[in-house]
Protein backbone atom coordinates (compact mmCIF):
# COMPACT_ATOMS: atom_id res chain seq x y z
CA MET A 1 36.12 -1.17 39.14
CA LYS A 2 33.44 0.09 37.61
CA LEU A 3 31.69 -3.09 35.67
CA LYS A 4 31.28 -2.57 31.81
CA ARG A 5 27.06 -2.06 31.10
CA MET A 6 25.52 -3.63 28.94
CA ARG A 7 22.88 -1.51 26.53
CA VAL A 8 20.21 -4.75 25.76
CA PHE A 9 16.79 -5.44 24.18
CA LEU A 10 13.78 -8.43 24.27
CA ALA A 11 12.94 -9.40 20.97
CA LEU A 12 11.72 -12.22 18.37
CA GLU A 13 14.09 -13.10 16.01
CA LEU A 14 13.26 -13.39 12.73
CA PRO A 15 14.19 -16.47 10.94
CA ALA A 16 16.01 -16.16 7.01
CA PRO A 17 12.74 -15.87 4.10
CA ILE A 18 11.34 -13.87 6.34
CA ARG A 19 14.44 -10.77 6.04
CA LEU A 20 14.86 -12.55 2.89
CA GLN A 21 11.37 -11.81 2.44
CA LEU A 22 11.55 -8.62 4.13
CA LEU A 23 13.94 -6.81 1.91
CA ARG A 24 12.40 -7.06 -0.76
CA ILE A 25 9.03 -5.20 0.74
CA GLN A 26 12.29 -2.47 1.40
CA GLU A 27 13.21 -2.78 -2.43
CA GLY A 28 9.86 -2.24 -3.41
CA LEU A 29 10.12 1.20 -1.62
CA SER A 30 12.98 2.79 -2.85
CA PHE A 31 10.80 5.45 -5.21
CA LEU A 32 11.47 6.87 -1.37
CA GLY A 33 14.79 7.43 -2.63
CA GLN A 34 17.88 7.80 -0.30
CA GLY A 35 15.88 9.92 2.91
CA VAL A 36 15.45 6.20 4.49
CA LYS A 37 18.04 4.16 6.09
CA TRP A 38 16.68 0.72 6.03
CA VAL A 39 16.62 -1.97 8.29
CA LYS A 40 19.67 -4.44 7.54
CA LYS A 41 18.74 -7.75 6.61
CA GLU A 42 20.22 -9.61 9.50
CA ASN A 43 18.68 -6.68 12.10
CA MET A 44 15.96 -7.46 11.17
CA HIS A 45 13.74 -8.59 14.42
CA LEU A 46 10.45 -7.37 16.58
CA THR A 47 11.43 -5.81 20.02
CA LEU A 48 9.49 -6.37 23.18
CA TYR A 49 11.83 -4.54 25.08
CA PHE A 50 14.13 -2.35 25.08
CA LEU A 51 16.20 -2.35 28.77
CA GLY A 52 18.71 0.04 27.99
CA ASN A 53 22.36 0.18 30.21
CA LEU A 54 22.37 -2.49 32.48
CA THR A 55 25.41 -3.97 34.65
CA PRO A 56 26.15 -7.33 34.11
CA GLU A 57 24.77 -8.39 38.52
CA LYS A 58 21.40 -7.00 36.53
CA ILE A 59 21.62 -8.80 33.13
CA GLN A 60 21.89 -12.11 35.44
CA GLY A 61 18.51 -10.81 37.49
CA LEU A 62 16.97 -10.45 33.91
CA SER A 63 17.58 -13.34 32.69
CA SER A 64 15.73 -15.84 35.38
CA CYS A 65 12.79 -13.14 35.22
CA VAL A 66 13.21 -13.74 31.32
CA GLN A 67 13.58 -17.64 31.47
CA ASP A 68 11.04 -18.53 34.55
CA VAL A 69 7.73 -16.57 31.64
CA ALA A 70 9.50 -18.23 28.85
CA SER A 71 9.29 -21.97 29.96
CA SER A 72 5.19 -21.10 30.87
CA LEU A 73 4.48 -20.28 27.74
CA LYS A 74 3.76 -22.60 25.01
CA PRO A 75 5.42 -22.03 21.23
CA PHE A 76 2.71 -20.57 18.91
CA THR A 77 2.91 -19.47 15.24
CA LEU A 78 2.96 -15.37 13.90
CA GLU A 79 2.23 -14.32 10.84
CA LEU A 80 4.26 -11.23 9.74
CA GLY A 81 2.14 -8.81 6.38
CA GLY A 82 1.06 -5.71 5.65
CA LEU A 83 2.95 -2.09 5.28
CA GLY A 84 2.53 0.97 7.36
CA HIS A 85 4.30 3.81 9.27
CA PHE A 86 4.86 5.13 12.52
CA PRO A 87 3.26 7.73 13.60
CA PRO A 88 0.03 7.06 12.58
CA ARG A 89 -0.85 10.53 11.65
CA GLY A 90 1.61 13.19 10.58
CA LYS A 91 4.94 13.16 8.66
CA ILE A 92 5.97 9.61 8.72
CA ARG A 93 9.36 8.44 11.37
CA VAL A 94 9.24 4.92 10.93
CA LEU A 95 7.98 2.25 8.38
CA TRP A 96 7.54 -1.22 9.39
CA ALA A 97 5.98 -4.11 8.02
CA GLY A 98 3.03 -5.38 10.78
CA ILE A 99 1.56 -9.16 12.36
CA GLY A 100 -1.26 -11.06 10.85
CA ALA A 101 -2.62 -14.44 12.58
CA GLY A 102 -0.56 -14.84 15.99
CA SER A 103 -1.47 -11.58 17.21
CA ALA A 104 -3.33 -12.51 20.16
CA GLU A 105 -1.09 -14.74 21.50
CA LEU A 106 2.42 -12.67 20.70
CA GLN A 107 0.52 -9.89 22.98
CA ALA A 108 -0.47 -12.36 25.87
CA LEU A 109 3.14 -13.34 25.81
CA TYR A 110 4.03 -9.96 25.73
CA THR A 111 1.89 -8.55 28.67
CA TYR A 112 3.35 -11.74 30.88
CA LEU A 113 6.23 -10.82 30.02
CA GLY A 114 6.03 -6.89 30.81
CA GLU A 115 4.37 -7.84 34.19
CA ALA A 116 7.52 -10.20 34.82
CA LEU A 117 10.00 -7.27 34.79
CA GLY A 118 7.98 -4.28 36.54
CA GLU A 119 7.71 -7.40 39.23
CA PHE A 120 12.04 -7.31 39.34
CA GLY A 121 12.34 -4.23 38.96
CA PHE A 122 12.29 -1.92 35.82
CA HIS A 123 9.76 0.39 34.88
CA ILE A 124 7.54 -1.08 31.55
CA GLN A 125 5.80 2.02 30.13
CA ARG A 126 2.02 1.05 30.41
CA ARG A 127 0.73 1.65 26.67
CA ALA A 128 -1.07 0.43 23.59
CA PHE A 129 1.43 -2.64 22.77
CA THR A 130 2.32 -2.02 18.25
CA PRO A 131 3.71 -5.23 17.00
CA HIS A 132 5.51 -4.87 14.41
CA VAL A 133 9.02 -5.20 12.40
CA THR A 134 11.66 -1.95 11.66
CA LEU A 135 11.57 -2.35 7.62
CA GLY A 136 13.39 1.24 8.10
CA ARG A 137 13.57 5.15 9.16
CA LEU A 138 13.21 8.41 7.59
CA GLY A 139 15.86 11.29 8.25
CA SER A 140 13.60 14.17 7.37
CA PRO A 141 10.08 13.37 8.47
CA ARG A 142 7.63 13.64 5.10
CA SER A 143 4.39 13.63 4.09
CA ILE A 144 3.15 9.60 3.39
CA GLY A 145 2.23 10.83 0.09
CA TYR A 146 0.49 9.36 -3.17
CA ARG A 147 2.07 6.66 -4.23
CA LEU A 148 3.09 5.00 0.07
CA ARG A 149 -0.19 5.56 0.75
CA ALA A 150 -1.37 3.33 -2.36
CA GLU A 151 1.58 1.13 -1.83
CA GLU A 152 0.66 0.15 1.69
CA ASP A 153 -3.43 -0.50 1.09
CA MET A 154 -2.50 -2.89 -1.27
CA GLN A 155 -0.38 -4.36 0.69
CA ARG A 156 -3.10 -4.46 3.40
CA GLU A 157 -4.06 -7.93 2.51
CA ILE A 158 -0.62 -8.95 1.96
CA VAL A 159 0.83 -12.04 3.65
CA TYR A 160 5.21 -12.58 3.52
CA GLY A 161 5.29 -15.60 5.49
CA SER A 162 5.25 -16.68 9.06
CA PHE A 163 7.11 -18.45 11.46
CA LEU A 164 7.24 -20.51 14.83
CA VAL A 165 7.79 -18.07 18.27
CA LYS A 166 9.39 -20.95 20.29
CA GLU A 167 12.63 -18.43 22.15
CA ILE A 168 12.41 -15.19 23.61
CA THR A 169 16.45 -13.56 22.38
CA LEU A 170 17.33 -11.18 24.70
CA PHE A 171 19.94 -9.64 22.29
CA GLN A 172 23.39 -6.37 23.13
CA SER A 173 23.10 -3.41 20.85
CA ILE A 174 26.30 -1.73 20.17
CA LEU A 175 26.06 1.66 18.92
CA THR A 176 28.67 1.89 15.65
CA PRO A 177 28.95 5.27 13.53
CA ALA A 178 28.40 2.84 10.92
CA GLY A 179 24.72 1.95 12.26
CA PRO A 180 23.40 -0.47 15.24
CA ILE A 181 25.38 -4.04 15.47
CA TYR A 182 22.66 -6.58 17.33
CA LYS A 183 24.89 -9.69 19.51
CA VAL A 184 22.27 -12.67 21.25
CA VAL A 185 23.27 -12.48 24.32
CA GLN A 186 20.57 -15.41 25.12
CA ARG A 187 17.55 -17.40 23.57
CA PHE A 188 15.01 -18.16 26.02
CA ALA A 189 12.97 -21.55 25.21
CA LEU A 190 8.80 -21.15 25.23
CA LEU A 191 8.47 -24.67 27.26
CA GLY A 192 5.34 -24.77 28.62
CA LYS A 193 2.27 -24.15 28.88
CA GLN A 194 -0.23 -20.95 27.85
CA VAL A 195 -0.45 -19.52 30.72
CA GLU A 196 -3.16 -16.48 31.23
CA ARG A 197 -2.64 -12.86 31.89
CA ARG A 198 -1.56 -12.79 36.06
CA ARG A 199 -4.43 -10.06 37.71
């Protein structure tokens, strides 16, 4: 019997007050019209690694790997703020909220976790990490336009809120016609001292 695979990713959950503030940011961008598919408030998160469709056996090993990493790292405060888009040049496809204070600690977590996942056997792409929370995706890519550029410039230094990062979450992503549903599979508490990047 073939074991059922699960589509999973690792991310940081956002507390309700932060998600509510990001919802207000989305509402302030309503001038973009109907062409944007906004991320639902309950689905907002900060992605670390998307791992694809895994068997239960692979997920069990993954859990052990992430637990080892999380137990070696200490909690830290992360600040969200600023508005941006992908790609940085050309027509826009994604709108996002950025990261402020705590970015160095987040980068260390991301790097250490990536190294551990690579050693475990996952193919981890070696590319620059641009931490963000996706707010919306454009169905048809478009030029930035004066109004959105002005909005990004205005919000560049604005802080949306901060929260204590105290765990890494493994999510299951269930694709449906109405949009994705994210379910928590497991949470891994940050329990230890900050570790240096392995060389």
